[in-house]
Amino acid sequence: MGLFDKHYSDVTAFLDQKKRQGIISEHFHTKKTDWPSEKNRNLVLGQDTAVELGNPKNASTSFLLWANKPDKIKNGRITIVGRDLPLLSGKQVSFGKIVIVDAADFNEDNTYDRYREMELLRYDIHLKGYMMRGVSQQQREWSRVSNEAISNGFSFQHLGGALIDQFSQMPYVRSVETIFITSSKEDVLEMQNISNNVMQLISAMNKMAEEMSFDCDECEYNAVCGDVEELRSMRDALKNKETAANA
């Protein structure tokens, strides 16, 4: 399904612009990340913090896109717009994080369930010295990296690699990219505009799937669904299922 084709194009246009400005670095994750995990107690206190990303006082955005773009999405690519974590030590910065997945065989019957699976994976990261608080409803993320982790070389390559490892476990995922933005508040806000549009589609999909609401005239997402063929197809499939179940 091409649910996020426009948003994917917007993100790639942003990255092309930042490449011309010379503030992008790219890395490739080629083997399973070797950074130690700390699943039971991963707390980073303020006095132990080397870098704080996306504090509520700063701009923050975090979202997921999937697309059927096997010729464009490069598996394992980690793109950093701005400075990497070791160069941010002692700072509190605005933060953007985007996960882009090349996914196969998405359709009106399985898209919602697969979205839910992938959305949970974004927050199932437990790396020693890295503490994350995500607010998926607001597409924000606030995280801290400890002094010890930075001293030991923790970077976005480790964080991006862990995310890529997680998503690569799903049978319908062919490739995964991650993007991290620390360059400026303005750059993060530009991505936040894209995130807000993504959230409109996600909210419309949630309303249909969770509330089984098909009264388009009364729905606040009427204009969104009217412009996106994939959402209309999902609505029709869900409506047909409900009709069949009640027959």
Protein backbone atom coordinates (compact mmCIF):
# COMPACT_ATOMS: atom_id res chain seq x y z
CA MET A 1 0.00 0.00 0.00
CA GLY A 2 1.18 3.54 -0.75
CA LEU A 3 -0.22 5.04 2.45
CA PHE A 4 2.89 7.10 3.17
CA ASP A 5 4.31 7.64 -0.33
CA LYS A 6 3.97 11.42 -0.11
CA HIS A 7 5.53 11.57 3.35
CA TYR A 8 8.40 9.36 2.23
CA SER A 9 9.06 11.77 -0.65
CA ASP A 10 8.96 14.72 1.78
CA VAL A 11 11.53 13.06 4.06
CA THR A 12 13.88 12.25 1.18
CA ALA A 13 13.58 15.82 -0.13
CA PHE A 14 14.58 17.08 3.34
CA LEU A 15 17.59 14.75 3.38
CA ASP A 16 18.67 15.85 -0.10
CA GLN A 17 18.64 19.45 1.09
CA LYS A 18 20.72 18.63 4.17
CA LYS A 19 23.23 16.72 2.02
CA ARG A 20 23.75 19.86 -0.04
CA GLN A 21 24.38 21.72 3.20
CA GLY A 22 26.99 19.14 4.17
CA ILE A 23 25.51 18.24 7.56
CA ILE A 24 24.69 14.58 6.92
CA SER A 25 26.69 11.44 7.66
CA GLU A 26 25.67 7.92 6.62
CA HIS A 27 26.62 4.55 8.06
CA PHE A 28 25.55 0.98 7.35
CA HIS A 29 24.62 -1.59 9.94
CA THR A 30 25.95 -4.90 8.65
CA LYS A 31 25.91 -7.16 11.71
CA LYS A 32 23.86 -7.55 14.89
CA THR A 33 24.56 -4.77 17.35
CA ASP A 34 26.95 -5.73 20.14
CA TRP A 35 26.03 -3.02 22.65
CA PRO A 36 25.03 -4.63 25.97
CA SER A 37 21.37 -4.63 26.95
CA GLU A 38 19.94 -3.66 30.33
CA LYS A 39 16.30 -4.64 30.27
CA ASN A 40 15.33 -4.74 33.94
CA ARG A 41 16.74 -1.44 35.18
CA ASN A 42 17.68 1.14 32.59
CA LEU A 43 17.52 4.40 34.54
CA VAL A 44 19.69 7.40 33.70
CA LEU A 45 19.47 10.11 36.35
CA GLY A 46 20.03 13.78 35.59
CA GLN A 47 23.46 13.89 37.23
CA ASP A 48 24.56 10.85 35.21
CA THR A 49 23.40 12.27 31.87
CA ALA A 50 25.85 13.19 29.12
CA VAL A 51 23.30 13.95 26.39
CA GLU A 52 19.59 14.71 26.64
CA LEU A 53 17.56 14.35 23.45
CA GLY A 54 14.11 15.86 22.92
CA ASN A 55 13.53 17.25 26.41
CA PRO A 56 9.98 18.71 26.68
CA LYS A 57 11.61 22.17 26.61
CA ASN A 58 13.06 21.35 23.18
CA ALA A 59 11.56 20.24 19.87
CA SER A 60 11.07 16.52 19.41
CA THR A 61 9.52 14.21 16.84
CA SER A 62 9.57 10.46 16.32
CA PHE A 63 7.60 8.50 13.75
CA LEU A 64 7.42 5.42 11.57
CA LEU A 65 6.88 5.18 7.82
CA TRP A 66 6.51 2.13 5.65
CA ALA A 67 6.63 1.98 1.88
CA ASN A 68 7.00 -0.42 -1.00
CA LYS A 69 10.30 1.02 -2.26
CA PRO A 70 12.79 -1.86 -2.63
CA ASP A 71 14.89 0.16 -5.08
CA LYS A 72 15.23 3.18 -2.77
CA ILE A 73 15.23 2.09 0.86
CA LYS A 74 18.70 0.76 1.69
CA ASN A 75 18.74 -1.93 4.33
CA GLY A 76 20.87 -1.04 7.33
CA ARG A 77 21.41 2.61 6.43
CA ILE A 78 21.74 4.96 9.43
CA THR A 79 21.55 8.64 8.54
CA ILE A 80 22.58 11.33 11.00
CA VAL A 81 21.59 14.94 10.32
CA GLY A 82 23.81 17.02 12.59
CA ARG A 83 26.22 15.73 15.21
CA ASP A 84 26.47 12.21 16.58
CA LEU A 85 26.15 11.49 20.29
CA PRO A 86 29.85 11.61 21.27
CA LEU A 87 30.05 15.16 19.88
CA LEU A 88 26.96 16.23 21.83
CA SER A 89 28.31 15.40 25.28
CA GLY A 90 27.14 17.90 27.88
CA LYS A 91 24.29 19.16 25.70
CA GLN A 92 20.50 19.14 25.65
CA VAL A 93 19.26 19.21 22.06
CA SER A 94 16.15 19.01 19.91
CA PHE A 95 15.77 15.54 18.46
CA GLY A 96 14.17 13.76 15.55
CA LYS A 97 14.01 10.02 14.94
CA ILE A 98 12.43 8.37 11.89
CA VAL A 99 12.23 4.67 11.10
CA ILE A 100 11.56 3.83 7.44
CA VAL A 101 10.59 0.29 6.49
CA ASP A 102 10.36 -1.32 3.07
CA ALA A 103 7.48 -3.71 3.64
CA ALA A 104 5.97 -6.40 1.44
CA ASP A 105 2.38 -7.55 0.98
CA PHE A 106 0.57 -4.83 2.91
CA ASN A 107 -3.11 -4.61 2.07
CA GLU A 108 -6.40 -3.29 3.44
CA ASP A 109 -6.83 -6.40 5.62
CA ASN A 110 -3.48 -6.49 7.41
CA THR A 111 -2.12 -2.92 7.45
CA TYR A 112 -3.57 -1.95 10.84
CA ASP A 113 -2.34 -5.08 12.64
CA ARG A 114 1.12 -4.75 11.14
CA TYR A 115 1.26 -1.08 12.08
CA ARG A 116 0.50 -2.01 15.69
CA GLU A 117 3.26 -4.63 15.69
CA MET A 118 5.85 -2.23 14.31
CA GLU A 119 4.79 0.64 16.56
CA LEU A 120 5.54 -1.50 19.64
CA LEU A 121 8.98 -2.39 18.25
CA ARG A 122 10.01 1.27 18.14
CA TYR A 123 9.96 1.41 21.93
CA ASP A 124 11.23 -2.09 22.70
CA ILE A 125 14.85 -0.92 22.91
CA HIS A 126 16.86 -1.66 26.07
CA LEU A 127 20.47 -0.55 25.69
CA LYS A 128 22.78 0.00 28.65
CA GLY A 129 23.11 3.68 29.41
CA TYR A 130 20.23 4.73 27.17
CA MET A 131 16.88 5.69 28.68
CA MET A 132 13.89 6.52 26.51
CA ARG A 133 10.47 7.94 27.21
CA GLY A 134 8.23 7.88 24.16
CA VAL A 135 4.82 9.46 23.73
CA SER A 136 3.51 7.77 20.61
CA GLN A 137 0.21 9.68 20.61
CA GLN A 138 2.15 12.94 20.26
CA GLN A 139 4.90 11.47 18.05
CA ARG A 140 7.54 12.71 20.52
CA GLU A 141 10.52 11.06 22.16
CA TRP A 142 12.63 12.13 25.14
CA SER A 143 15.78 10.19 25.92
CA ARG A 144 18.98 10.37 27.93
CA VAL A 145 22.41 8.88 27.34
CA SER A 146 24.67 8.33 30.33
CA ASN A 147 28.19 9.61 30.80
CA GLU A 148 29.43 6.03 31.01
CA ALA A 149 27.81 5.09 27.70
CA ILE A 150 29.34 8.08 25.92
CA SER A 151 32.75 7.30 27.46
CA ASN A 152 32.43 3.76 26.09
CA GLY A 153 31.63 5.00 22.59
CA PHE A 154 27.83 4.79 22.40
CA SER A 155 26.56 6.42 19.20
CA PHE A 156 23.58 6.59 16.88
CA GLN A 157 25.11 3.64 15.05
CA HIS A 158 24.36 1.50 18.11
CA LEU A 159 20.85 2.90 18.55
CA GLY A 160 20.06 2.67 14.84
CA GLY A 161 21.52 -0.82 14.67
CA ALA A 162 19.34 -2.01 17.56
CA LEU A 163 16.23 -0.64 15.84
CA ILE A 164 17.19 -2.27 12.54
CA ASP A 165 17.76 -5.60 14.32
CA GLN A 166 14.28 -5.35 15.90
CA PHE A 167 12.39 -4.58 12.71
CA SER A 168 14.34 -7.10 10.64
CA GLN A 169 12.76 -9.91 12.68
CA MET A 170 9.35 -9.27 11.11
CA PRO A 171 8.70 -11.57 8.12
CA TYR A 172 7.10 -8.83 6.02
CA VAL A 173 10.02 -6.40 6.47
CA ARG A 174 12.54 -6.42 3.64
CA SER A 175 14.74 -3.49 4.66
CA VAL A 176 14.98 -0.84 7.37
CA GLU A 177 16.55 2.60 7.59
CA THR A 178 16.87 4.94 10.56
CA ILE A 179 17.30 8.71 10.57
CA PHE A 180 18.43 10.83 13.53
CA ILE A 181 18.26 14.63 13.58
CA THR A 182 20.18 16.84 16.02
CA SER A 183 21.15 19.68 13.68
CA SER A 184 18.71 22.36 14.87
CA LYS A 185 15.32 23.02 16.38
CA GLU A 186 14.15 24.27 12.96
CA ASP A 187 15.10 21.00 11.25
CA VAL A 188 13.27 18.96 13.89
CA LEU A 189 10.20 21.18 13.54
CA GLU A 190 10.27 20.67 9.77
CA MET A 191 10.14 16.91 10.37
CA GLN A 192 7.43 17.49 12.95
CA ASN A 193 5.21 18.96 10.24
CA ILE A 194 5.56 15.71 8.29
CA SER A 195 4.95 13.75 11.48
CA ASN A 196 1.71 15.64 12.11
CA ASN A 197 0.46 14.65 8.67
CA VAL A 198 1.46 11.03 9.30
CA MET A 199 -0.43 11.14 12.60
CA GLN A 200 -3.59 12.25 10.81
CA LEU A 201 -3.52 9.08 8.70
CA ILE A 202 -2.70 6.90 11.70
CA SER A 203 -5.53 8.45 13.72
CA ALA A 204 -8.00 7.86 10.91
CA MET A 205 -6.85 4.25 10.62
CA ASN A 206 -7.15 3.78 14.40
CA LYS A 207 -10.67 5.19 14.45
CA MET A 208 -11.84 2.82 11.74
CA ALA A 209 -10.18 -0.27 13.20
CA GLU A 210 -10.79 0.28 16.91
CA GLU A 211 -14.17 2.01 16.90
CA MET A 212 -15.46 0.34 13.72
CA SER A 213 -16.80 3.78 12.81
CA PHE A 214 -17.84 4.22 9.19
CA ASP A 215 -20.06 7.29 9.33
CA CYS A 216 -17.90 9.42 7.07
CA ASP A 217 -20.16 12.48 7.19
CA GLU A 218 -19.70 12.81 10.97
CA CYS A 219 -16.02 11.81 11.13
CA GLU A 220 -13.34 14.41 11.83
CA TYR A 221 -11.02 12.56 9.43
CA ASN A 222 -13.38 12.80 6.48
CA ALA A 223 -11.06 15.04 4.47
CA VAL A 224 -8.06 12.83 5.20
CA CYS A 225 -9.74 9.63 4.00
CA GLY A 226 -11.19 11.44 1.00
CA ASP A 227 -7.67 12.17 -0.25
CA VAL A 228 -6.08 8.77 0.47
CA GLU A 229 -7.26 5.80 -1.56
CA GLU A 230 -5.64 3.27 0.78
CA LEU A 231 -7.71 4.50 3.73
CA ARG A 232 -10.89 4.24 1.71
CA SER A 233 -9.97 0.66 0.80
CA MET A 234 -9.38 -0.17 4.47
CA ARG A 235 -12.71 1.38 5.41
CA ASP A 236 -14.56 -0.68 2.79
CA ALA A 237 -12.83 -3.91 3.87
CA LEU A 238 -13.61 -3.33 7.55
CA LYS A 239 -17.20 -2.38 6.77
CA ASN A 240 -17.67 -5.54 4.70
CA LYS A 241 -16.29 -7.63 7.56
CA GLU A 242 -18.68 -6.05 10.04
CA THR A 243 -21.62 -6.59 7.68
CA ALA A 244 -20.70 -10.24 7.17
CA ALA A 245 -20.31 -10.79 10.94
CA ASN A 246 -23.76 -9.32 11.62
CA ALA A 247 -25.50 -11.16 8.79
